[in-house]
Amino acid sequence: MRRVRLTGYVLILLAFLSITGCLNYNQEVSLNPDGSGTMKIHYWMQIPPVSKDELLPQLSIFNRDSLLVQFESKFVKMHNLTVVADTTDSSYHTRIEFEFVHIDSLTKLKPFADAGFSLQDGAAGQKVFSQFISPVASGFGLDDGTKFNVTYVYSFPGEIITHNATAVGKKTLTWSYNLGQLGKGKAISVTYRPYKLKETPTWIFALAGLMLIIVTYFLFRKRRD
């Protein structure tokens, strides 16, 4: 039953895109060494004013109350969830920002049920991360792939060993695809060596030892007096 509902939703969305314009989806993730982190999502779509009243009620992706329910979880701390209309180009934007306790836990949220987030131990001292980007059926005038674009930007807390990103920044890896490039779906894959936690500088221990010696000296001196 769930598959039927999901398929119906995708078909409706694609039909909307064929008469409205492009759907853009951007996802930015910053991972911490323990697997927790933050995620920022921004997606937008042009909807002509003449179609707004008919289309918007059927698009839960632009319904704030519906989205809040989908992201409600003990694994997530929401920081921002806004849905706004830009009258200059008849576009609707949704922005979502939240913290998560561990990226694997996101698969328990409905919006990420098929994302397959995974962060596992790899070779000695390494971590292996993966995420699946689900395919989207073509058709309804979208065969050229220009009306559906997704971008995923990740920041990892360590030295990158291997990856399959489409672009590399100074501190980030980026995966960007249009509908035609997605095909049967894409897998984000990264192996990295986490940075070591900063150790307490030696001079801190030396200073603490010196202070202990000074305090002990004055205590003994006071006792003798």
Protein backbone atom coordinates (compact mmCIF):
# COMPACT_ATOMS: atom_id res chain seq x y z
CA MET A 1 0.00 0.00 0.00
CA ARG A 2 2.85 2.35 0.85
CA ARG A 3 4.47 1.69 -2.54
CA VAL A 4 1.22 2.61 -4.33
CA ARG A 5 0.90 5.84 -2.40
CA LEU A 6 4.54 6.75 -3.03
CA THR A 7 4.29 5.98 -6.75
CA GLY A 8 1.13 8.04 -7.02
CA TYR A 9 2.83 10.96 -5.29
CA VAL A 10 5.83 10.81 -7.64
CA LEU A 11 3.59 10.74 -10.70
CA ILE A 12 1.59 13.71 -9.44
CA LEU A 13 4.78 15.63 -8.71
CA LEU A 14 6.23 14.91 -12.14
CA ALA A 15 2.99 15.96 -13.77
CA PHE A 16 3.19 19.22 -11.86
CA LEU A 17 6.78 19.74 -12.95
CA SER A 18 5.80 19.33 -16.60
CA ILE A 19 3.60 22.41 -16.36
CA THR A 20 5.35 24.42 -13.65
CA GLY A 21 9.12 24.30 -14.01
CA CYS A 22 12.18 22.94 -12.27
CA LEU A 23 12.42 21.33 -8.85
CA ASN A 24 15.78 21.96 -7.18
CA TYR A 25 16.91 20.11 -4.07
CA ASN A 26 20.03 21.02 -2.06
CA GLN A 27 21.21 19.11 1.01
CA GLU A 28 24.19 20.14 3.13
CA VAL A 29 25.53 17.87 5.87
CA SER A 30 28.31 18.49 8.36
CA LEU A 31 29.41 15.37 10.25
CA ASN A 32 31.04 15.24 13.67
CA PRO A 33 33.55 12.55 14.73
CA ASP A 34 30.88 10.67 16.72
CA GLY A 35 28.46 10.47 13.77
CA SER A 36 26.23 13.30 14.93
CA GLY A 37 25.95 16.46 12.88
CA THR A 38 23.79 19.06 11.22
CA MET A 39 21.76 19.07 8.02
CA LYS A 40 20.42 21.94 5.95
CA ILE A 41 17.86 21.30 3.22
CA HIS A 42 16.62 23.82 0.69
CA TYR A 43 14.34 22.98 -2.20
CA TRP A 44 12.27 25.19 -4.44
CA MET A 45 9.94 25.07 -7.39
CA GLN A 46 8.13 27.55 -9.61
CA ILE A 47 4.34 27.37 -9.52
CA PRO A 48 2.40 29.79 -11.76
CA PRO A 49 -0.15 31.90 -9.84
CA VAL A 50 -2.98 30.46 -11.95
CA SER A 51 -2.08 26.94 -10.75
CA LYS A 52 -1.25 27.76 -7.14
CA ASP A 53 -4.65 27.08 -5.58
CA GLU A 54 -4.95 23.75 -7.36
CA LEU A 55 -1.43 22.42 -6.89
CA LEU A 56 -0.21 23.60 -3.48
CA PRO A 57 -2.79 21.69 -1.38
CA GLN A 58 -1.56 18.45 -2.98
CA LEU A 59 2.14 19.12 -2.30
CA SER A 60 3.00 18.28 1.30
CA ILE A 61 6.60 19.27 0.58
CA PHE A 62 5.40 22.89 0.83
CA ASN A 63 3.19 22.36 3.87
CA ARG A 64 4.99 23.34 7.07
CA ASP A 65 2.69 21.48 9.47
CA SER A 66 2.97 18.27 7.45
CA LEU A 67 6.77 18.55 7.34
CA LEU A 68 7.04 19.14 11.09
CA VAL A 69 5.22 15.87 11.70
CA GLN A 70 7.52 13.99 9.32
CA PHE A 71 10.65 15.31 11.06
CA GLU A 72 9.37 14.82 14.59
CA SER A 73 11.78 12.42 16.30
CA LYS A 74 13.89 12.01 19.43
CA PHE A 75 16.88 11.71 17.09
CA VAL A 76 16.38 15.20 15.67
CA LYS A 77 16.49 18.72 17.09
CA MET A 78 14.81 21.15 14.70
CA HIS A 79 16.33 24.62 14.34
CA ASN A 80 14.38 26.02 11.43
CA LEU A 81 11.57 24.96 9.11
CA THR A 82 10.10 27.62 6.84
CA VAL A 83 8.02 27.62 3.69
CA VAL A 84 7.98 30.91 1.81
CA ALA A 85 6.77 32.22 -1.53
CA ASP A 86 8.92 34.44 -3.72
CA THR A 87 6.54 36.66 -5.65
CA THR A 88 9.28 37.90 -7.97
CA ASP A 89 9.43 34.59 -9.84
CA SER A 90 6.38 32.69 -8.50
CA SER A 91 8.61 30.18 -6.73
CA TYR A 92 8.01 28.37 -3.44
CA HIS A 93 10.90 27.56 -1.11
CA THR A 94 11.25 25.19 1.82
CA ARG A 95 14.22 25.47 4.18
CA ILE A 96 14.90 22.92 6.91
CA GLU A 97 17.76 22.99 9.41
CA PHE A 98 18.29 20.48 12.21
CA GLU A 99 20.76 18.52 14.32
CA PHE A 100 20.83 14.73 14.45
CA VAL A 101 22.29 12.42 17.09
CA HIS A 102 23.71 9.98 14.52
CA ILE A 103 23.37 10.01 10.78
CA ASP A 104 22.27 6.34 10.69
CA SER A 105 19.21 7.33 12.76
CA LEU A 106 17.88 9.51 9.93
CA THR A 107 16.64 6.42 8.10
CA LYS A 108 13.92 6.24 10.76
CA LEU A 109 12.41 9.47 9.43
CA LYS A 110 9.84 9.18 6.64
CA PRO A 111 11.59 11.67 4.32
CA PHE A 112 14.77 9.53 4.46
CA ALA A 113 13.25 6.04 4.63
CA ASP A 114 14.94 5.03 1.35
CA ALA A 115 18.14 7.05 1.77
CA GLY A 116 20.13 4.19 3.32
CA PHE A 117 22.41 6.37 5.46
CA SER A 118 25.30 4.29 6.77
CA LEU A 119 28.42 5.16 8.74
CA GLN A 120 30.52 2.10 9.56
CA ASP A 121 34.06 1.19 10.60
CA GLY A 122 36.30 0.40 7.65
CA ALA A 123 39.95 -0.57 7.57
CA ALA A 124 42.03 0.20 10.64
CA GLY A 125 41.35 3.77 11.72
CA GLN A 126 38.95 4.49 8.85
CA LYS A 127 35.23 5.19 8.47
CA VAL A 128 33.02 4.37 5.48
CA PHE A 129 29.98 6.52 4.75
CA SER A 130 27.26 5.94 2.17
CA GLN A 131 23.87 7.30 1.17
CA PHE A 132 21.52 6.28 -1.63
CA ILE A 133 19.92 8.90 -3.85
CA SER A 134 16.64 7.43 -5.01
CA PRO A 135 15.78 7.43 -8.74
CA VAL A 136 12.85 9.40 -10.10
CA ALA A 137 10.71 8.04 -12.92
CA SER A 138 11.06 9.96 -16.18
CA GLY A 139 8.24 11.07 -18.41
CA PHE A 140 5.70 13.88 -18.38
CA GLY A 141 8.02 16.04 -20.44
CA LEU A 142 11.01 15.49 -18.14
CA ASP A 143 13.03 13.14 -20.34
CA ASP A 144 15.63 15.82 -21.04
CA GLY A 145 16.51 15.80 -17.35
CA THR A 146 16.62 19.58 -17.06
CA LYS A 147 13.64 20.00 -14.75
CA PHE A 148 14.91 18.08 -11.75
CA ASN A 149 18.22 18.82 -10.06
CA VAL A 150 19.67 17.52 -6.80
CA THR A 151 22.84 18.59 -5.00
CA TYR A 152 24.37 17.01 -1.90
CA VAL A 153 27.24 18.71 -0.07
CA TYR A 154 29.12 16.93 2.72
CA SER A 155 31.78 17.98 5.18
CA PHE A 156 33.64 15.11 6.87
CA PRO A 157 35.73 15.30 10.09
CA GLY A 158 38.84 13.69 8.72
CA GLU A 159 41.20 12.98 5.87
CA ILE A 160 39.39 11.79 2.74
CA ILE A 161 40.77 8.49 1.46
CA THR A 162 38.39 7.64 -1.40
CA HIS A 163 35.16 9.16 -2.72
CA ASN A 164 32.92 9.28 -5.80
CA ALA A 165 31.92 12.96 -5.57
CA THR A 166 31.28 14.96 -8.73
CA ALA A 167 33.10 18.00 -7.33
CA VAL A 168 35.67 18.62 -4.60
CA GLY A 169 35.96 21.79 -2.54
CA LYS A 170 38.49 22.86 0.04
CA LYS A 171 36.56 21.27 2.90
CA THR A 172 33.59 19.68 1.14
CA LEU A 173 32.57 16.98 -1.30
CA THR A 174 29.65 17.59 -3.67
CA TRP A 175 27.36 15.26 -5.62
CA SER A 176 25.17 16.98 -8.21
CA TYR A 177 22.81 15.31 -10.69
CA ASN A 178 19.89 16.09 -12.95
CA LEU A 179 17.07 13.68 -13.69
CA GLY A 180 18.80 12.08 -16.66
CA GLN A 181 22.01 11.52 -14.71
CA LEU A 182 20.23 9.91 -11.75
CA GLY A 183 19.11 6.94 -13.82
CA LYS A 184 18.35 4.08 -11.43
CA GLY A 185 19.74 6.04 -8.52
CA LYS A 186 23.17 7.03 -7.27
CA ALA A 187 25.17 5.99 -4.23
CA ILE A 188 27.26 8.49 -2.30
CA SER A 189 30.38 6.74 -1.06
CA VAL A 190 33.22 8.11 1.06
CA THR A 191 36.04 6.56 3.04
CA TYR A 192 37.88 8.83 5.45
CA ARG A 193 40.28 8.70 8.35
CA PRO A 194 38.83 10.67 11.30
CA TYR A 195 40.98 13.35 12.81
CA LYS A 196 42.36 12.44 16.23
CA LEU A 197 40.86 14.26 19.16
CA LYS A 198 43.11 17.05 20.33
CA GLU A 199 45.29 15.90 23.15
CA THR A 200 45.89 18.04 26.25
CA PRO A 201 49.12 20.00 25.68
CA THR A 202 52.09 18.85 27.76
CA TRP A 203 52.58 22.33 29.20
CA ILE A 204 49.17 22.08 30.88
CA PHE A 205 50.34 19.07 32.88
CA ALA A 206 53.63 20.80 33.66
CA LEU A 207 51.83 23.93 34.90
CA ALA A 208 49.44 21.85 37.01
CA GLY A 209 52.38 19.99 38.54
CA LEU A 210 54.17 23.26 39.33
CA MET A 211 51.07 24.71 40.98
CA LEU A 212 50.70 21.56 43.08
CA ILE A 213 54.31 21.84 44.25
CA ILE A 214 53.84 25.52 45.17
CA VAL A 215 50.61 24.87 47.09
CA THR A 216 52.19 21.93 48.94
CA TYR A 217 55.24 24.04 49.85
CA PHE A 218 53.15 26.84 51.37
CA LEU A 219 50.93 24.38 53.24
CA PHE A 220 53.95 22.75 54.89
CA ARG A 221 55.50 26.14 55.62
CA LYS A 222 52.32 27.41 57.23
CA ARG A 223 52.06 24.27 59.35
CA ARG A 224 55.66 24.71 60.63
CA ASP A 225 54.99 28.34 61.53
